Amino acid sequence: MRRIMISSALLAIAATGCKTTQPEAPEIVINAPPIQTCAPVSSLQKVVIPAETKIRYAITMIDNPPYEPIERKEKQVVVVKPAQIIYVDSEGKEVLDICEDVERGATGPGVGEMIPDGEG
């Protein structure tokens, strides 16, 4: 019986022991200014890469008996790769992240389209 009483006393002492808790960590707030990841248009240079074209000739022939046939030869300038608009920085590197909404990419007649006389 004595053992039971000693065990009970030890169990009661262990159960009423102090509970330790971590102190609450202070909240740290850092007010950092926003970082601008895009480039303003004013700091960039607009570059227009001209379209790649090829020249072909179309020949039209109409029979015109008893006279010579009527023949017409027409020069056509056809776009192989459209013109491109890009923006570069002071180091000459292309910039894709621009703050303002600007025209860039393919422009003008598309692939396979003809360029009117005077433009090509």
N, C-alpha and C. Protein backbone atom coordinates (compact mmCIF):
# COMPACT_ATOMS: atom_id res chain seq x y z
N MET A 1 0.81 -1.18 0.00
CA MET A 1 0.00 0.00 0.00
C MET A 1 0.86 1.25 0.00
N ARG A 2 1.97 1.12 0.71
CA ARG A 2 2.84 2.26 0.77
C ARG A 2 3.36 2.63 -0.62
N ARG A 3 3.65 1.65 -1.44
CA ARG A 3 4.11 1.91 -2.80
C ARG A 3 3.05 2.62 -3.61
N ILE A 4 1.82 2.25 -3.42
CA ILE A 4 0.73 2.88 -4.15
C ILE A 4 0.62 4.33 -3.74
N MET A 5 0.76 4.62 -2.47
CA MET A 5 0.65 6.00 -2.00
C MET A 5 1.81 6.84 -2.52
N ILE A 6 3.01 6.28 -2.56
CA ILE A 6 4.17 7.02 -3.06
C ILE A 6 3.99 7.28 -4.57
N SER A 7 3.55 6.26 -5.29
CA SER A 7 3.33 6.41 -6.73
C SER A 7 2.25 7.43 -7.02
N SER A 8 1.20 7.42 -6.20
CA SER A 8 0.12 8.39 -6.38
C SER A 8 0.61 9.80 -6.10
N ALA A 9 1.43 9.95 -5.08
CA ALA A 9 1.97 11.27 -4.74
C ALA A 9 2.88 11.79 -5.86
N LEU A 10 3.72 10.92 -6.37
CA LEU A 10 4.60 11.33 -7.47
C LEU A 10 3.79 11.69 -8.72
N LEU A 11 2.76 10.95 -8.98
CA LEU A 11 1.90 11.22 -10.14
C LEU A 11 1.17 12.54 -9.96
N ALA A 12 0.72 12.85 -8.76
CA ALA A 12 0.03 14.11 -8.49
C ALA A 12 1.00 15.28 -8.63
N ILE A 13 2.23 15.12 -8.17
CA ILE A 13 3.22 16.19 -8.29
C ILE A 13 3.56 16.42 -9.77
N ALA A 14 3.71 15.36 -10.53
CA ALA A 14 4.05 15.48 -11.96
C ALA A 14 2.91 16.12 -12.73
N ALA A 15 1.67 15.83 -12.40
CA ALA A 15 0.51 16.37 -13.11
C ALA A 15 0.31 17.85 -12.80
N THR A 16 0.71 18.33 -11.66
CA THR A 16 0.51 19.74 -11.30
C THR A 16 1.72 20.59 -11.63
N GLY A 17 2.68 20.04 -12.37
CA GLY A 17 3.89 20.80 -12.72
C GLY A 17 3.55 22.01 -13.59
N CYS A 18 4.50 22.95 -13.70
CA CYS A 18 4.28 24.18 -14.47
C CYS A 18 4.38 23.89 -15.96
N LYS A 19 3.60 24.60 -16.71
CA LYS A 19 3.64 24.48 -18.17
C LYS A 19 4.37 25.72 -18.69
N THR A 20 5.39 25.49 -19.53
CA THR A 20 6.12 26.61 -20.09
C THR A 20 5.64 26.88 -21.50
N THR A 21 5.59 28.15 -21.86
CA THR A 21 5.18 28.53 -23.22
C THR A 21 6.23 29.45 -23.81
N GLN A 22 6.30 29.45 -25.13
CA GLN A 22 7.21 30.34 -25.83
C GLN A 22 6.65 31.76 -25.78
N PRO A 23 7.47 32.74 -25.57
CA PRO A 23 6.97 34.11 -25.63
C PRO A 23 6.59 34.44 -27.08
N GLU A 24 5.57 35.25 -27.23
CA GLU A 24 5.09 35.59 -28.56
C GLU A 24 6.12 36.47 -29.27
N ALA A 25 6.46 36.10 -30.51
CA ALA A 25 7.46 36.85 -31.27
C ALA A 25 6.87 38.18 -31.71
N PRO A 26 7.66 39.24 -31.63
CA PRO A 26 7.15 40.55 -32.06
C PRO A 26 6.97 40.55 -33.59
N GLU A 27 5.95 41.26 -34.06
CA GLU A 27 5.67 41.35 -35.49
C GLU A 27 6.54 42.45 -36.09
N ILE A 28 7.31 42.08 -37.12
CA ILE A 28 8.21 43.04 -37.76
C ILE A 28 7.64 43.40 -39.13
N VAL A 29 7.44 44.69 -39.37
CA VAL A 29 6.91 45.16 -40.64
C VAL A 29 7.96 46.02 -41.32
N ILE A 30 8.32 45.64 -42.54
CA ILE A 30 9.31 46.40 -43.31
C ILE A 30 8.58 47.10 -44.44
N ASN A 31 8.61 48.40 -44.44
CA ASN A 31 7.97 49.18 -45.51
C ASN A 31 8.99 49.43 -46.61
N ALA A 32 9.01 48.54 -47.60
CA ALA A 32 9.93 48.68 -48.72
C ALA A 32 9.19 49.33 -49.89
N PRO A 33 9.84 50.21 -50.61
CA PRO A 33 9.17 50.82 -51.76
C PRO A 33 8.95 49.77 -52.84
N PRO A 34 7.89 49.91 -53.65
CA PRO A 34 7.65 48.93 -54.70
C PRO A 34 8.77 48.96 -55.75
N ILE A 35 9.09 47.80 -56.27
CA ILE A 35 10.15 47.69 -57.25
C ILE A 35 9.51 47.66 -58.64
N GLN A 36 9.94 48.55 -59.51
CA GLN A 36 9.40 48.60 -60.86
C GLN A 36 10.18 47.62 -61.73
N THR A 37 9.49 46.60 -62.23
CA THR A 37 10.15 45.59 -63.05
C THR A 37 10.02 45.89 -64.54
N CYS A 38 9.10 46.78 -64.91
CA CYS A 38 8.93 47.09 -66.33
C CYS A 38 9.73 48.34 -66.69
N ALA A 39 9.98 48.49 -67.99
CA ALA A 39 10.76 49.64 -68.46
C ALA A 39 9.83 50.68 -69.07
N PRO A 40 10.01 51.96 -68.73
CA PRO A 40 9.18 53.00 -69.35
C PRO A 40 9.60 53.21 -70.81
N VAL A 41 8.63 53.54 -71.66
CA VAL A 41 8.88 53.72 -73.09
C VAL A 41 9.89 54.85 -73.32
N SER A 42 9.87 55.87 -72.47
CA SER A 42 10.77 57.01 -72.65
C SER A 42 12.24 56.61 -72.55
N SER A 43 12.55 55.48 -71.91
CA SER A 43 13.94 55.05 -71.77
C SER A 43 14.34 54.05 -72.87
N LEU A 44 13.43 53.76 -73.79
CA LEU A 44 13.69 52.77 -74.83
C LEU A 44 13.74 53.41 -76.21
N GLN A 45 14.29 52.68 -77.15
CA GLN A 45 14.35 53.13 -78.54
C GLN A 45 13.53 52.16 -79.39
N LYS A 46 12.64 52.71 -80.22
CA LYS A 46 11.80 51.90 -81.11
C LYS A 46 12.61 51.54 -82.35
N VAL A 47 12.62 50.25 -82.71
CA VAL A 47 13.35 49.77 -83.88
C VAL A 47 12.36 49.04 -84.78
N VAL A 48 12.33 49.43 -86.06
CA VAL A 48 11.47 48.75 -87.04
C VAL A 48 12.36 47.91 -87.93
N ILE A 49 12.18 46.60 -87.88
CA ILE A 49 12.93 45.69 -88.73
C ILE A 49 12.10 45.51 -90.00
N PRO A 50 12.66 45.87 -91.17
CA PRO A 50 11.87 45.82 -92.41
C PRO A 50 11.47 44.39 -92.78
N ALA A 51 10.41 44.31 -93.57
CA ALA A 51 9.91 43.02 -94.03
C ALA A 51 10.89 42.39 -95.01
N GLU A 52 10.96 41.06 -95.00
CA GLU A 52 11.73 40.34 -96.01
C GLU A 52 10.78 40.04 -97.15
N THR A 53 11.22 40.35 -98.38
CA THR A 53 10.35 40.18 -99.54
C THR A 53 11.07 39.41 -100.64
N LYS A 54 10.28 38.94 -101.60
CA LYS A 54 10.85 38.35 -102.81
C LYS A 54 10.08 38.95 -103.99
N ILE A 55 10.75 39.00 -105.11
CA ILE A 55 10.13 39.57 -106.31
C ILE A 55 9.74 38.42 -107.23
N ARG A 56 8.54 38.51 -107.76
CA ARG A 56 8.09 37.54 -108.77
C ARG A 56 7.41 38.32 -109.89
N TYR A 57 7.32 37.66 -111.02
CA TYR A 57 6.70 38.31 -112.17
C TYR A 57 5.50 37.49 -112.61
N ALA A 58 4.41 38.18 -112.91
CA ALA A 58 3.19 37.54 -113.42
C ALA A 58 3.06 37.95 -114.88
N ILE A 59 2.90 36.97 -115.74
CA ILE A 59 2.76 37.25 -117.17
C ILE A 59 1.35 36.83 -117.60
N THR A 60 0.65 37.77 -118.22
CA THR A 60 -0.70 37.52 -118.72
C THR A 60 -0.64 37.61 -120.24
N MET A 61 -1.18 36.60 -120.91
CA MET A 61 -1.18 36.59 -122.36
C MET A 61 -2.60 36.34 -122.85
N ILE A 62 -3.07 37.20 -123.78
CA ILE A 62 -4.41 37.06 -124.34
C ILE A 62 -4.25 36.89 -125.85
N ASP A 63 -4.85 35.81 -126.37
CA ASP A 63 -4.82 35.60 -127.83
C ASP A 63 -5.61 36.71 -128.49
N ASN A 64 -5.10 37.20 -129.63
CA ASN A 64 -5.73 38.31 -130.32
C ASN A 64 -5.61 38.10 -131.84
N PRO A 65 -6.20 36.97 -132.35
CA PRO A 65 -6.05 36.72 -133.78
C PRO A 65 -6.80 37.77 -134.61
N PRO A 66 -6.43 38.13 -135.68
CA PRO A 66 -5.26 37.79 -136.50
C PRO A 66 -4.02 38.58 -136.11
N TYR A 67 -4.03 39.30 -135.03
CA TYR A 67 -2.88 40.11 -134.61
C TYR A 67 -2.04 39.35 -133.60
N GLU A 68 -0.98 39.97 -133.21
CA GLU A 68 -0.10 39.40 -132.19
C GLU A 68 -0.86 39.28 -130.86
N PRO A 69 -0.53 38.27 -130.05
CA PRO A 69 -1.18 38.17 -128.74
C PRO A 69 -0.81 39.38 -127.86
N ILE A 70 -1.74 39.72 -126.97
CA ILE A 70 -1.51 40.81 -126.04
C ILE A 70 -0.83 40.21 -124.81
N GLU A 71 0.32 40.74 -124.50
CA GLU A 71 1.09 40.19 -123.38
C GLU A 71 1.39 41.30 -122.39
N ARG A 72 1.24 40.97 -121.12
CA ARG A 72 1.52 41.94 -120.07
C ARG A 72 2.37 41.26 -118.98
N LYS A 73 3.46 41.90 -118.61
CA LYS A 73 4.35 41.38 -117.58
C LYS A 73 4.27 42.32 -116.39
N GLU A 74 3.98 41.78 -115.21
CA GLU A 74 3.79 42.60 -114.01
C GLU A 74 4.73 42.13 -112.91
N LYS A 75 5.47 43.09 -112.33
CA LYS A 75 6.36 42.80 -111.21
C LYS A 75 5.55 42.82 -109.91
N GLN A 76 5.74 41.78 -109.08
CA GLN A 76 5.04 41.70 -107.80
C GLN A 76 6.07 41.51 -106.68
N VAL A 77 5.91 42.28 -105.61
CA VAL A 77 6.76 42.14 -104.43
C VAL A 77 5.92 41.45 -103.36
N VAL A 78 6.35 40.26 -102.94
CA VAL A 78 5.59 39.43 -102.01
C VAL A 78 6.33 39.34 -100.68
N VAL A 79 5.60 39.45 -99.58
CA VAL A 79 6.18 39.38 -98.24
C VAL A 79 6.49 37.93 -97.87
N VAL A 80 7.74 37.69 -97.47
CA VAL A 80 8.17 36.37 -96.99
C VAL A 80 8.13 36.35 -95.46
N LYS A 81 8.57 37.48 -94.86
CA LYS A 81 8.54 37.63 -93.40
C LYS A 81 8.10 39.05 -93.12
N PRO A 82 7.01 39.25 -92.33
CA PRO A 82 6.51 40.61 -92.10
C PRO A 82 7.48 41.48 -91.30
N ALA A 83 7.30 42.79 -91.41
CA ALA A 83 8.11 43.73 -90.65
C ALA A 83 7.83 43.54 -89.16
N GLN A 84 8.81 43.87 -88.34
CA GLN A 84 8.69 43.71 -86.88
C GLN A 84 9.00 45.04 -86.20
N ILE A 85 8.28 45.33 -85.13
CA ILE A 85 8.59 46.48 -84.28
C ILE A 85 9.05 45.94 -82.94
N ILE A 86 10.26 46.36 -82.54
CA ILE A 86 10.79 45.96 -81.24
C ILE A 86 11.29 47.21 -80.51
N TYR A 87 11.50 47.09 -79.22
CA TYR A 87 12.06 48.17 -78.41
C TYR A 87 13.33 47.66 -77.77
N VAL A 88 14.39 48.50 -77.82
CA VAL A 88 15.67 48.11 -77.24
C VAL A 88 16.09 49.13 -76.18
N ASP A 89 16.91 48.65 -75.24
CA ASP A 89 17.40 49.54 -74.18
C ASP A 89 18.71 50.19 -74.62
N SER A 90 19.35 50.89 -73.72
CA SER A 90 20.58 51.63 -74.05
C SER A 90 21.73 50.69 -74.43
N GLU A 91 21.65 49.43 -74.03
CA GLU A 91 22.68 48.45 -74.37
C GLU A 91 22.38 47.72 -75.67
N GLY A 92 21.24 48.02 -76.29
CA GLY A 92 20.87 47.38 -77.55
C GLY A 92 20.16 46.04 -77.38
N LYS A 93 19.76 45.71 -76.17
CA LYS A 93 19.05 44.45 -75.91
C LYS A 93 17.55 44.67 -76.03
N GLU A 94 16.86 43.68 -76.59
CA GLU A 94 15.41 43.79 -76.75
C GLU A 94 14.73 43.74 -75.38
N VAL A 95 13.75 44.63 -75.18
CA VAL A 95 13.00 44.70 -73.92
C VAL A 95 11.58 44.22 -74.19
N LEU A 96 11.13 43.25 -73.39
CA LEU A 96 9.78 42.71 -73.56
C LEU A 96 8.80 43.26 -72.52
N ASP A 97 9.29 43.59 -71.33
CA ASP A 97 8.43 44.06 -70.25
C ASP A 97 8.40 45.59 -70.26
N ILE A 98 7.40 46.16 -70.97
CA ILE A 98 7.28 47.62 -71.11
C ILE A 98 6.06 48.06 -70.31
N CYS A 99 6.22 49.16 -69.55
CA CYS A 99 5.15 49.63 -68.67
C CYS A 99 3.89 50.04 -69.43
N GLU A 100 4.05 50.76 -70.53
CA GLU A 100 2.90 51.24 -71.29
C GLU A 100 2.50 50.21 -72.35
N ASP A 101 1.28 50.34 -72.83
CA ASP A 101 0.80 49.47 -73.90
C ASP A 101 1.22 50.09 -75.22
N VAL A 102 2.17 49.47 -75.92
CA VAL A 102 2.69 50.00 -77.17
C VAL A 102 2.57 48.95 -78.28
N GLU A 103 2.59 49.44 -79.52
CA GLU A 103 2.53 48.53 -80.66
C GLU A 103 3.89 47.87 -80.81
N ARG A 104 3.91 46.55 -80.90
CA ARG A 104 5.13 45.82 -81.13
C ARG A 104 4.79 44.48 -81.76
N GLY A 105 5.80 43.84 -82.32
CA GLY A 105 5.59 42.57 -83.01
C GLY A 105 5.41 42.81 -84.51
N ALA A 106 4.76 41.85 -85.17
CA ALA A 106 4.57 41.91 -86.62
C ALA A 106 3.68 43.09 -86.99
N THR A 107 4.02 43.75 -88.08
CA THR A 107 3.25 44.89 -88.55
C THR A 107 3.26 44.91 -90.08
N GLY A 108 2.29 45.56 -90.66
CA GLY A 108 2.23 45.68 -92.12
C GLY A 108 1.64 44.43 -92.76
N PRO A 109 1.87 44.28 -94.09
CA PRO A 109 1.32 43.12 -94.80
C PRO A 109 1.89 41.81 -94.24
N GLY A 110 1.05 40.77 -94.23
CA GLY A 110 1.44 39.48 -93.70
C GLY A 110 2.14 38.63 -94.75
N VAL A 111 2.53 37.42 -94.34
CA VAL A 111 3.23 36.49 -95.23
C VAL A 111 2.35 36.15 -96.42
N GLY A 112 2.93 36.24 -97.64
CA GLY A 112 2.20 35.92 -98.86
C GLY A 112 1.46 37.09 -99.47
N GLU A 113 1.32 38.19 -98.75
CA GLU A 113 0.61 39.35 -99.28
C GLU A 113 1.57 40.17 -100.16
N MET A 114 0.98 40.87 -101.11
CA MET A 114 1.79 41.70 -102.01
C MET A 114 1.88 43.12 -101.48
N ILE A 115 3.04 43.72 -101.71
CA ILE A 115 3.26 45.11 -101.33
C ILE A 115 2.96 45.96 -102.57
N PRO A 116 2.10 46.96 -102.44
CA PRO A 116 1.79 47.81 -103.59
C PRO A 116 3.04 48.55 -104.10
N ASP A 117 3.02 48.93 -105.38
CA ASP A 117 4.14 49.66 -105.98
C ASP A 117 4.44 50.91 -105.16
N GLY A 118 5.72 51.22 -105.07
CA GLY A 118 6.14 52.42 -104.35
C GLY A 118 6.53 52.14 -102.92
N GLU A 119 6.09 51.00 -102.35
CA GLU A 119 6.41 50.67 -100.95
C GLU A 119 7.55 49.67 -100.87
N GLY A 120 7.75 48.85 -101.86
CA GLY A 120 8.77 47.80 -101.77
C GLY A 120 9.88 48.14 -102.60
